[in-house]
C-alpha atoms as a PDB file:
ATOM      1  CA  MET A   1     -11.958 -18.576  -4.776  1.00  0.00           C
ATOM      2  CA  ARG A   2     -10.609 -16.849  -1.666  1.00  0.00           C
ATOM      3  CA  ASN A   3      -8.359 -13.860  -2.341  1.00  0.00           C
ATOM      4  CA  LEU A   4      -7.190 -13.197   1.193  1.00  0.00           C
ATOM      5  CA  LYS A   5      -3.747 -11.889   0.184  1.00  0.00           C
ATOM      6  CA  LEU A   6      -5.321  -9.086  -1.843  1.00  0.00           C
ATOM      7  CA  ALA A   7      -6.131  -5.836  -0.056  1.00  0.00           C
ATOM      8  CA  ILE A   8      -8.088  -2.877  -1.422  1.00  0.00           C
ATOM      9  CA  GLY A   9      -6.149   0.390  -1.545  1.00  0.00           C
ATOM     10  CA  THR A  10      -8.482   3.367  -1.325  1.00  0.00           C
ATOM     11  CA  ALA A  11      -6.435   6.468  -2.160  1.00  0.00           C
ATOM     12  CA  GLN A  12      -8.577   6.855  -5.299  1.00  0.00           C
ATOM     13  CA  PHE A  13     -11.765   6.670  -3.211  1.00  0.00           C
ATOM     14  CA  GLY A  14     -11.093  10.117  -1.813  1.00  0.00           C
ATOM     15  CA  SER A  15      -8.767  11.883  -4.251  1.00  0.00           C
ATOM     16  CA  ASP A  16      -7.175  11.818  -7.724  1.00  0.00           C
ATOM     17  CA  TYR A  17      -4.181   9.518  -7.295  1.00  0.00           C
ATOM     18  CA  GLY A  18      -1.746   7.642  -9.512  1.00  0.00           C
ATOM     19  CA  ILE A  19       0.260   8.525 -12.593  1.00  0.00           C
ATOM     20  CA  ALA A  20      -1.959   6.333 -14.791  1.00  0.00           C
ATOM     21  CA  ASN A  21      -5.262   7.472 -13.283  1.00  0.00           C
ATOM     22  CA  LYS A  22      -7.188   9.207 -16.077  1.00  0.00           C
ATOM     23  CA  THR A  23     -10.655   9.078 -14.503  1.00  0.00           C
ATOM     24  CA  GLY A  24     -10.059  10.922 -11.234  1.00  0.00           C
ATOM     25  CA  LYS A  25     -11.713  10.028  -7.938  1.00  0.00           C
ATOM     26  CA  ILE A  26     -13.926   6.942  -7.958  1.00  0.00           C
ATOM     27  CA  ASN A  27     -17.630   7.823  -7.929  1.00  0.00           C
ATOM     28  CA  TYR A  28     -19.870   6.627  -5.114  1.00  0.00           C
ATOM     29  CA  ALA A  29     -21.650   3.909  -7.115  1.00  0.00           C
ATOM     30  CA  ASP A  30     -18.411   2.355  -8.363  1.00  0.00           C
ATOM     31  CA  GLY A  31     -16.823   2.559  -4.916  1.00  0.00           C
ATOM     32  CA  GLU A  32     -19.711   0.803  -3.237  1.00  0.00           C
ATOM     33  CA  LYS A  33     -19.761  -1.853  -5.950  1.00  0.00           C
ATOM     34  CA  ILE A  34     -16.032  -2.480  -5.560  1.00  0.00           C
ATOM     35  CA  ILE A  35     -16.294  -2.927  -1.797  1.00  0.00           C
ATOM     36  CA  LYS A  36     -19.266  -5.287  -1.984  1.00  0.00           C
ATOM     37  CA  SER A  37     -17.777  -7.338  -4.823  1.00  0.00           C
ATOM     38  CA  ALA A  38     -14.379  -7.535  -3.124  1.00  0.00           C
ATOM     39  CA  HIS A  39     -15.954  -8.839   0.066  1.00  0.00           C
ATOM     40  CA  ALA A  40     -17.900 -11.447  -1.901  1.00  0.00           C
ATOM     41  CA  ALA A  41     -14.627 -12.518  -3.578  1.00  0.00           C
ATOM     42  CA  GLY A  42     -13.013 -13.266  -0.228  1.00  0.00           C
ATOM     43  CA  ILE A  43     -10.952 -10.094   0.170  1.00  0.00           C
ATOM     44  CA  ASP A  44     -10.961  -9.007   3.816  1.00  0.00           C
ATOM     45  CA  THR A  45      -8.554  -6.051   4.132  1.00  0.00           C
ATOM     46  CA  ILE A  46      -8.923  -2.359   3.256  1.00  0.00           C
ATOM     47  CA  ASP A  47      -6.069   0.147   3.342  1.00  0.00           C
ATOM     48  CA  THR A  48      -6.908   3.809   3.798  1.00  0.00           C
ATOM     49  CA  ALA A  49      -5.528   6.955   5.447  1.00  0.00           C
ATOM     50  CA  ILE A  50      -6.658  10.219   6.947  1.00  0.00           C
ATOM     51  CA  ALA A  51      -4.707  11.965   4.171  1.00  0.00           C
ATOM     52  CA  TYR A  52      -6.786  10.261   1.451  1.00  0.00           C
ATOM     53  CA  GLY A  53      -9.359  13.036   1.200  1.00  0.00           C
ATOM     54  CA  GLU A  54     -12.876  11.695   1.695  1.00  0.00           C
ATOM     55  CA  SER A  55     -11.831   8.038   1.555  1.00  0.00           C
ATOM     56  CA  GLU A  56     -12.634   7.153   5.179  1.00  0.00           C
ATOM     57  CA  ARG A  57     -16.003   8.886   5.078  1.00  0.00           C
ATOM     58  CA  GLN A  58     -16.914   7.156   1.821  1.00  0.00           C
ATOM     59  CA  LEU A  59     -15.952   3.769   3.221  1.00  0.00           C
ATOM     60  CA  GLY A  60     -18.093   4.424   6.249  1.00  0.00           C
ATOM     61  CA  LEU A  61     -21.080   5.057   3.999  1.00  0.00           C
ATOM     62  CA  PHE A  62     -20.422   1.838   2.061  1.00  0.00           C
ATOM     63  CA  GLY A  63     -20.292  -0.182   5.280  1.00  0.00           C
ATOM     64  CA  VAL A  64     -16.978  -1.827   6.204  1.00  0.00           C
ATOM     65  CA  SER A  65     -17.687  -3.185   9.690  1.00  0.00           C
ATOM     66  CA  GLY A  66     -16.863  -6.723   8.568  1.00  0.00           C
ATOM     67  CA  TRP A  67     -13.444  -5.764   7.198  1.00  0.00           C
ATOM     68  CA  ARG A  68      -9.912  -5.582   8.560  1.00  0.00           C
ATOM     69  CA  VAL A  69      -9.395  -1.844   8.095  1.00  0.00           C
ATOM     70  CA  ILE A  70      -5.931  -0.276   8.113  1.00  0.00           C
ATOM     71  CA  SER A  71      -5.658   3.495   8.407  1.00  0.00           C
ATOM     72  CA  LYS A  72      -2.739   5.869   8.733  1.00  0.00           C
ATOM     73  CA  LEU A  73      -2.142   8.974  10.802  1.00  0.00           C
ATOM     74  CA  PRO A  74      -1.054  12.151   8.976  1.00  0.00           C
ATOM     75  CA  LYS A  75       2.212  13.982   9.492  1.00  0.00           C
ATOM     76  CA  LEU A  76       2.827  14.984  13.090  1.00  0.00           C
ATOM     77  CA  PRO A  77       2.036  18.715  13.453  1.00  0.00           C
ATOM     78  CA  GLU A  78       5.127  20.851  14.025  1.00  0.00           C
ATOM     79  CA  SER A  79       3.575  22.803  16.897  1.00  0.00           C
ATOM     80  CA  ILE A  80       2.093  19.811  18.697  1.00  0.00           C
ATOM     81  CA  GLN A  81       1.922  19.984  22.474  1.00  0.00           C
ATOM     82  CA  LEU A  82       0.188  16.772  23.581  1.00  0.00           C
ATOM     83  CA  ILE A  83       1.136  13.877  21.302  1.00  0.00           C
ATOM     84  CA  ALA A  84      -0.967  11.290  23.135  1.00  0.00           C
ATOM     85  CA  GLY A  85      -4.083  13.438  22.878  1.00  0.00           C
ATOM     86  CA  TRP A  86      -3.486  14.143  19.193  1.00  0.00           C
ATOM     87  CA  VAL A  87      -3.033  10.449  18.355  1.00  0.00           C
ATOM     88  CA  ARG A  88      -6.124   9.465  20.341  1.00  0.00           C
ATOM     89  CA  ASP A  89      -8.279  12.183  18.772  1.00  0.00           C
ATOM     90  CA  GLN A  90      -7.100  11.433  15.231  1.00  0.00           C
ATOM     91  CA  THR A  91      -7.722   7.718  15.709  1.00  0.00           C
ATOM     92  CA  ALA A  92     -11.145   8.178  17.284  1.00  0.00           C
ATOM     93  CA  GLU A  93     -12.222  10.516  14.484  1.00  0.00           C
ATOM     94  CA  SER A  94     -10.977   8.041  11.891  1.00  0.00           C
ATOM     95  CA  ILE A  95     -12.998   5.230  13.484  1.00  0.00           C
ATOM     96  CA  GLU A  96     -16.055   7.484  13.595  1.00  0.00           C
ATOM     97  CA  ARG A  97     -15.769   8.341   9.888  1.00  0.00           C
ATOM     98  CA  LEU A  98     -15.347   4.657   9.036  1.00  0.00           C
ATOM     99  CA  ARG A  99     -18.312   3.711  11.262  1.00  0.00           C
ATOM    100  CA  ILE A 100     -16.473   0.775  12.817  1.00  0.00           C
ATOM    101  CA  SER A 101     -15.680  -0.163  16.402  1.00  0.00           C
ATOM    102  CA  LYS A 102     -11.884  -0.353  15.981  1.00  0.00           C
ATOM    103  CA  LEU A 103      -9.105  -0.508  13.416  1.00  0.00           C
ATOM    104  CA  HIS A 104      -7.227  -3.660  12.548  1.00  0.00           C
ATOM    105  CA  GLY A 105      -4.119  -1.576  12.035  1.00  0.00           C
ATOM    106  CA  LEU A 106      -3.078   1.981  12.851  1.00  0.00           C
ATOM    107  CA  LEU A 107       0.036   3.100  10.974  1.00  0.00           C
ATOM    108  CA  LEU A 108       2.131   6.215  10.849  1.00  0.00           C
ATOM    109  CA  HIS A 109       2.103   7.595   7.310  1.00  0.00           C
ATOM    110  CA  ARG A 110       5.551   9.151   7.785  1.00  0.00           C
ATOM    111  CA  VAL A 111       8.305   6.970   9.167  1.00  0.00           C
ATOM    112  CA  ASP A 112      10.399  10.110   9.804  1.00  0.00           C
ATOM    113  CA  ASP A 113       7.984  11.068  12.588  1.00  0.00           C
ATOM    114  CA  LEU A 114       8.814   7.841  14.420  1.00  0.00           C
ATOM    115  CA  LEU A 115      12.557   8.152  13.833  1.00  0.00           C
ATOM    116  CA  GLY A 116      12.630  11.833  14.796  1.00  0.00           C
ATOM    117  CA  PRO A 117      13.178  13.450  18.212  1.00  0.00           C
ATOM    118  CA  LEU A 118       9.574  12.835  19.291  1.00  0.00           C
ATOM    119  CA  GLY A 119       9.565   9.207  18.181  1.00  0.00           C
ATOM    120  CA  GLU A 120       9.554   7.643  21.637  1.00  0.00           C
ATOM    121  CA  TYR A 121       6.583   9.768  22.732  1.00  0.00           C
ATOM    122  CA  LEU A 122       4.767   9.022  19.503  1.00  0.00           C
ATOM    123  CA  PHE A 123       5.223   5.279  19.878  1.00  0.00           C
ATOM    124  CA  GLU A 124       4.006   5.421  23.481  1.00  0.00           C
ATOM    125  CA  ALA A 125       0.885   7.173  22.191  1.00  0.00           C
ATOM    126  CA  LEU A 126       0.359   4.402  19.640  1.00  0.00           C
ATOM    127  CA  LEU A 127       0.719   1.780  22.359  1.00  0.00           C
ATOM    128  CA  GLN A 128      -1.823   3.630  24.450  1.00  0.00           C
ATOM    129  CA  VAL A 129      -4.519   3.664  21.751  1.00  0.00           C
ATOM    130  CA  GLN A 130      -3.805  -0.017  21.140  1.00  0.00           C
ATOM    131  CA  GLN A 131      -4.222  -0.813  24.840  1.00  0.00           C
ATOM    132  CA  GLU A 132      -7.444   1.201  24.899  1.00  0.00           C
ATOM    133  CA  GLY A 133      -8.844  -0.967  22.095  1.00  0.00           C
ATOM    134  CA  PHE A 134      -8.807   1.560  19.242  1.00  0.00           C
ATOM    135  CA  ALA A 135      -6.499  -0.612  17.114  1.00  0.00           C
ATOM    136  CA  GLU A 136      -5.504  -4.262  17.163  1.00  0.00           C
ATOM    137  CA  ARG A 137      -2.085  -3.614  15.640  1.00  0.00           C
ATOM    138  CA  ILE A 138       0.224  -0.615  15.370  1.00  0.00           C
ATOM    139  CA  GLY A 139       3.002   0.086  12.936  1.00  0.00           C
ATOM    140  CA  VAL A 140       4.375   2.262  10.183  1.00  0.00           C
ATOM    141  CA  SER A 141       4.432   2.818   6.434  1.00  0.00           C
ATOM    142  CA  VAL A 142       7.998   2.728   5.090  1.00  0.00           C
ATOM    143  CA  TYR A 143       9.269   4.115   1.780  1.00  0.00           C
ATOM    144  CA  ALA A 144      13.025   3.515   2.028  1.00  0.00           C
ATOM    145  CA  HIS A 145      14.341   0.106   3.029  1.00  0.00           C
ATOM    146  CA  GLU A 146      17.064   1.746   5.125  1.00  0.00           C
ATOM    147  CA  SER A 147      14.386   2.781   7.625  1.00  0.00           C
ATOM    148  CA  ILE A 148      13.455  -0.799   8.472  1.00  0.00           C
ATOM    149  CA  ASP A 149      16.604  -1.583  10.461  1.00  0.00           C
ATOM    150  CA  ALA A 150      16.188   1.617  12.475  1.00  0.00           C
ATOM    151  CA  ILE A 151      12.557   0.776  13.216  1.00  0.00           C
ATOM    152  CA  LEU A 152      13.214  -2.835  14.225  1.00  0.00           C
ATOM    153  CA  SER A 153      16.050  -1.846  16.548  1.00  0.00           C
ATOM    154  CA  ARG A 154      13.913   0.640  18.485  1.00  0.00           C
ATOM    155  CA  PHE A 155      10.213  -0.168  18.251  1.00  0.00           C
ATOM    156  CA  PRO A 156       8.265  -3.452  18.632  1.00  0.00           C
ATOM    157  CA  ILE A 157       5.777  -2.852  15.829  1.00  0.00           C
ATOM    158  CA  ASP A 158       3.072  -5.332  14.806  1.00  0.00           C
ATOM    159  CA  ILE A 159       2.521  -4.345  11.173  1.00  0.00           C
ATOM    160  CA  ILE A 160       4.487  -2.633   8.414  1.00  0.00           C
ATOM    161  CA  GLN A 161       3.655  -1.427   4.927  1.00  0.00           C
ATOM    162  CA  VAL A 162       6.459  -1.466   2.356  1.00  0.00           C
ATOM    163  CA  PRO A 163       6.864  -1.000  -1.419  1.00  0.00           C
ATOM    164  CA  PHE A 164       7.385  -4.141  -3.517  1.00  0.00           C
ATOM    165  CA  ASN A 165       7.120  -5.019  -7.199  1.00  0.00           C
ATOM    166  CA  ILE A 166       9.073  -6.789  -9.932  1.00  0.00           C
ATOM    167  CA  PHE A 167      11.310  -3.780 -10.563  1.00  0.00           C
ATOM    168  CA  ASP A 168      11.755  -3.036  -6.856  1.00  0.00           C
ATOM    169  CA  ARG A 169      12.939  -6.246  -5.168  1.00  0.00           C
ATOM    170  CA  ARG A 170      15.295  -4.594  -2.684  1.00  0.00           C
ATOM    171  CA  LEU A 171      13.425  -5.793   0.402  1.00  0.00           C
ATOM    172  CA  LEU A 172      13.503  -9.374  -0.815  1.00  0.00           C
ATOM    173  CA  ASP A 173      17.116  -9.329  -2.025  1.00  0.00           C
ATOM    174  CA  GLY A 174      18.323  -7.664   1.168  1.00  0.00           C
ATOM    175  CA  GLY A 175      16.607 -10.169   3.454  1.00  0.00           C
ATOM    176  CA  TRP A 176      14.271  -7.647   5.086  1.00  0.00           C
ATOM    177  CA  LEU A 177      11.074  -9.504   4.172  1.00  0.00           C
ATOM    178  CA  CYS A 178      12.382 -12.695   5.766  1.00  0.00           C
ATOM    179  CA  ALA A 179      13.528 -10.762   8.834  1.00  0.00           C
ATOM    180  CA  LEU A 180      10.110  -9.157   9.263  1.00  0.00           C
ATOM    181  CA  GLN A 181       8.398 -12.530   8.966  1.00  0.00           C
ATOM    182  CA  LYS A 182      10.702 -14.027  11.602  1.00  0.00           C
ATOM    183  CA  GLU A 183       9.805 -11.178  13.946  1.00  0.00           C
ATOM    184  CA  GLY A 184       6.119 -12.016  13.517  1.00  0.00           C
ATOM    185  CA  ILE A 185       5.407  -8.641  11.914  1.00  0.00           C
ATOM    186  CA  GLU A 186       2.474  -8.503   9.511  1.00  0.00           C
ATOM    187  CA  VAL A 187       3.813  -7.363   6.123  1.00  0.00           C
ATOM    188  CA  HIS A 188       1.657  -5.422   3.667  1.00  0.00           C
ATOM    189  CA  THR A 189       3.116  -4.382   0.314  1.00  0.00           C
ATOM    190  CA  ARG A 190       2.034  -1.538  -1.927  1.00  0.00           C
ATOM    191  CA  SER A 191       3.192  -0.114  -5.275  1.00  0.00           C
ATOM    192  CA  VAL A 192       2.733  -3.463  -7.002  1.00  0.00           C
ATOM    193  CA  PHE A 193       1.882  -1.469 -10.153  1.00  0.00           C
ATOM    194  CA  LEU A 194       4.147   1.472  -9.194  1.00  0.00           C
ATOM    195  CA  GLN A 195       1.201   3.900  -9.195  1.00  0.00           C
ATOM    196  CA  GLY A 196       0.046   2.407 -12.504  1.00  0.00           C
ATOM    197  CA  LEU A 197       3.333   3.094 -14.314  1.00  0.00           C
ATOM    198  CA  LEU A 198       3.903  -0.627 -14.839  1.00  0.00           C
ATOM    199  CA  LEU A 199       0.529  -0.967 -16.553  1.00  0.00           C
ATOM    200  CA  MET A 200       1.087   1.819 -19.073  1.00  0.00           C
ATOM    201  CA  GLN A 201       1.733   1.221 -22.748  1.00  0.00           C
ATOM    202  CA  PRO A 202       5.219   2.282 -23.938  1.00  0.00           C
ATOM    203  CA  GLU A 203       3.900   5.302 -25.841  1.00  0.00           C
ATOM    204  CA  SER A 204       2.039   6.548 -22.741  1.00  0.00           C
ATOM    205  CA  ARG A 205       4.986   6.605 -20.336  1.00  0.00           C
ATOM    206  CA  PRO A 206       6.067  10.149 -19.433  1.00  0.00           C
ATOM    207  CA  ASN A 207       9.361  11.374 -20.874  1.00  0.00           C
ATOM    208  CA  TYR A 208      10.930  11.314 -17.399  1.00  0.00           C
ATOM    209  CA  PHE A 209      11.212   7.526 -17.586  1.00  0.00           C
ATOM    210  CA  ARG A 210      13.142   7.392 -20.870  1.00  0.00           C
ATOM    211  CA  ARG A 211      16.459   7.295 -19.007  1.00  0.00           C
ATOM    212  CA  TRP A 212      15.654   3.675 -18.113  1.00  0.00           C
ATOM    213  CA  GLN A 213      14.838   2.718 -21.697  1.00  0.00           C
ATOM    214  CA  THR A 214      17.069  -0.369 -21.596  1.00  0.00           C
ATOM    215  CA  LEU A 215      15.020  -1.742 -18.718  1.00  0.00           C
ATOM    216  CA  TRP A 216      11.747  -0.902 -20.472  1.00  0.00           C
ATOM    217  CA  ASP A 217      12.942  -2.650 -23.631  1.00  0.00           C
ATOM    218  CA  ARG A 218      13.673  -5.800 -21.632  1.00  0.00           C
ATOM    219  CA  TRP A 219      10.288  -5.582 -19.930  1.00  0.00           C
ATOM    220  CA  ASP A 220       8.298  -4.955 -23.093  1.00  0.00           C
ATOM    221  CA  GLY A 221      10.214  -7.689 -24.907  1.00  0.00           C
ATOM    222  CA  TRP A 222       9.605 -10.255 -22.187  1.00  0.00           C
ATOM    223  CA  LEU A 223       5.889  -9.485 -22.131  1.00  0.00           C
ATOM    224  CA  ALA A 224       5.734  -9.862 -25.900  1.00  0.00           C
ATOM    225  CA  ASP A 225       7.651 -13.160 -25.819  1.00  0.00           C
ATOM    226  CA  THR A 226       5.492 -14.691 -23.079  1.00  0.00           C
ATOM    227  CA  GLY A 227       2.173 -13.200 -24.180  1.00  0.00           C
ATOM    228  CA  ILE A 228       1.157 -12.248 -20.636  1.00  0.00           C
ATOM    229  CA  SER A 229      -0.272  -8.907 -19.576  1.00  0.00           C
ATOM    230  CA  PRO A 230       1.637  -6.452 -17.357  1.00  0.00           C
ATOM    231  CA  GLY A 231      -1.091  -6.597 -14.712  1.00  0.00           C
ATOM    232  CA  ASP A 232      -1.145 -10.382 -14.512  1.00  0.00           C
ATOM    233  CA  CYS A 233       2.610 -10.547 -14.122  1.00  0.00           C
ATOM    234  CA  ARG A 234       2.990  -7.772 -11.566  1.00  0.00           C
ATOM    235  CA  LEU A 235       0.204  -8.960  -9.319  1.00  0.00           C
ATOM    236  CA  ARG A 236       0.998 -12.674  -9.371  1.00  0.00           C
ATOM    237  CA  TYR A 237       4.655 -12.002  -8.590  1.00  0.00           C
ATOM    238  CA  ALA A 238       3.746 -10.183  -5.368  1.00  0.00           C
ATOM    239  CA  LEU A 239       0.982 -12.619  -4.407  1.00  0.00           C
ATOM    240  CA  SER A 240       3.316 -15.593  -4.777  1.00  0.00           C
ATOM    241  CA  GLU A 241       5.899 -14.240  -2.330  1.00  0.00           C
ATOM    242  CA  PRO A 242       5.389 -16.210   0.944  1.00  0.00           C
ATOM    243  CA  THR A 243       6.840 -13.495   3.213  1.00  0.00           C
ATOM    244  CA  ILE A 244       4.076 -11.065   2.238  1.00  0.00           C
ATOM    245  CA  ASP A 245       0.759 -11.159   4.138  1.00  0.00           C
ATOM    246  CA  ARG A 246      -1.263  -8.680   2.061  1.00  0.00           C
ATOM    247  CA  VAL A 247      -0.768  -7.095  -1.363  1.00  0.00           C
ATOM    248  CA  ILE A 248      -2.469  -3.695  -1.561  1.00  0.00           C
ATOM    249  CA  VAL A 249      -3.828  -2.749  -4.970  1.00  0.00           C
ATOM    250  CA  GLY A 250      -5.071   0.720  -5.816  1.00  0.00           C
ATOM    251  CA  ILE A 251      -8.187   0.784  -7.972  1.00  0.00           C
ATOM    252  CA  ASP A 252      -9.394   3.481 -10.390  1.00  0.00           C
ATOM    253  CA  SER A 253     -12.717   1.917 -11.402  1.00  0.00           C
ATOM    254  CA  PHE A 254     -14.922  -1.156 -11.058  1.00  0.00           C
ATOM    255  CA  ALA A 255     -13.750  -2.376 -14.464  1.00  0.00           C
ATOM    256  CA  GLN A 256     -10.157  -2.239 -13.267  1.00  0.00           C
ATOM    257  CA  PHE A 257     -11.121  -4.118 -10.112  1.00  0.00           C
ATOM    258  CA  GLU A 258     -12.544  -6.925 -12.226  1.00  0.00           C
ATOM    259  CA  GLU A 259      -9.290  -7.066 -14.215  1.00  0.00           C
ATOM    260  CA  ILE A 260      -7.257  -7.224 -11.007  1.00  0.00           C
ATOM    261  CA  LEU A 261      -9.424 -10.011  -9.633  1.00  0.00           C
ATOM    262  CA  GLY A 262      -8.861 -11.966 -12.822  1.00  0.00           C
ATOM    263  CA  SER A 263      -5.109 -11.372 -12.678  1.00  0.00           C
ATOM    264  CA  ALA A 264      -4.957 -12.775  -9.150  1.00  0.00           C
ATOM    265  CA  SER A 265      -5.711 -16.276 -10.424  1.00  0.00           C
ATOM    266  CA  VAL A 266      -3.503 -16.308 -13.534  1.00  0.00           C
ATOM    267  CA  ASP A 267      -0.363 -18.471 -13.554  1.00  0.00           C
ATOM    268  CA  VAL A 268       2.642 -16.614 -14.975  1.00  0.00           C
ATOM    269  CA  PRO A 269       6.270 -17.570 -15.599  1.00  0.00           C
ATOM    270  CA  VAL A 270       9.009 -16.426 -13.237  1.00  0.00           C
ATOM    271  CA  PRO A 271      10.301 -13.031 -14.439  1.00  0.00           C
ATOM    272  CA  PRO A 272      13.958 -12.750 -15.482  1.00  0.00           C
ATOM    273  CA  ALA A 273      16.403 -11.630 -12.806  1.00  0.00           C
ATOM    274  CA  GLU A 274      17.495  -8.613 -14.875  1.00  0.00           C
ATOM    275  CA  LEU A 275      14.014  -7.087 -14.696  1.00  0.00           C
ATOM    276  CA  ARG A 276      14.780  -5.049 -11.596  1.00  0.00           C
ATOM    277  CA  SER A 277      16.216  -1.706 -10.525  1.00  0.00           C
ATOM    278  CA  ASP A 278      17.825  -0.287  -7.388  1.00  0.00           C
ATOM    279  CA  ASP A 279      17.562   3.284  -8.657  1.00  0.00           C
ATOM    280  CA  PRO A 280      15.354   5.239  -6.212  1.00  0.00           C
ATOM    281  CA  ASP A 281      14.624   7.807  -8.926  1.00  0.00           C
ATOM    282  CA  LEU A 282      12.652   5.073 -10.680  1.00  0.00           C
ATOM    283  CA  VAL A 283      11.226   2.870  -7.930  1.00  0.00           C
ATOM    284  CA  ASN A 284      10.345   5.628  -5.435  1.00  0.00           C
ATOM    285  CA  PRO A 285       7.440   7.747  -6.806  1.00  0.00           C
ATOM    286  CA  SER A 286       8.174  10.540  -4.327  1.00  0.00           C
ATOM    287  CA  ARG A 287      11.366  11.231  -6.310  1.00  0.00           C
ATOM    288  CA  TRP A 288       9.736  11.411  -9.731  1.00  0.00           C
ATOM    289  CA  GLN A 289      10.158  14.735 -11.546  1.00  0.00           C
ATOM    290  CA  LEU A 290       7.314  14.774 -14.043  1.00  0.00           C
ATOM    291  CA  SER A 291       6.889  18.488 -14.607  1.00  0.00           C
END
């Protein structure tokens, strides 16, 4: 079976990441096994970032020259003088760590950098590294759907990464996913498990999320009625959306990878319309107050 819509998220390859991650950073043996097994399963895309600790260096050791690798630039330094030189150096160093000849996609990790006062210069620098052959496609990672209109009106990007899951359907409901597809922009979605929150058992969810207990009761009840697992449902919902090109899944261990691979082929019923939320305090992890 080919799993071309799946993409491997590698934040956990270089750092402790995710609310449900209890094992910490993936060890070298598990990481290498995941990459080799994913490639054998027909997965062709890896998502990483300079900000993901040792992720790029680890991937380079595993060997990812046959992959479509997406990486992301860190926040633009406040005291930067030469934006073009900074972008070129960051990209070249990323490629060197990954031990590949070029990136499939080079994204900005912070959309605010592109929409800020230096945005035009920053985009010109991205175009330059693309023209020089460092990256096939250039684009941005977006957290708030309001940013998409601003991006599309100013910058001809090739690729975009956006959040999407059963609870967070704002991009689909608002027509943004269809608009991006019409523009020929490659769409990658993340947060399909909402940093693992949507895989957690009810008793394990942090107290912060109790304010949405009505939604959780509907979710837990629907899972019980249908007999499907949270992972199967979440993943298949994203994979079945035709406007999405790649669904990025973060992985904590090889055992979890095997579960995800199994979930990718499971048929699940269409989730009820009421299983959704527009509350950014729930669907945007950067707003979570867990302490």
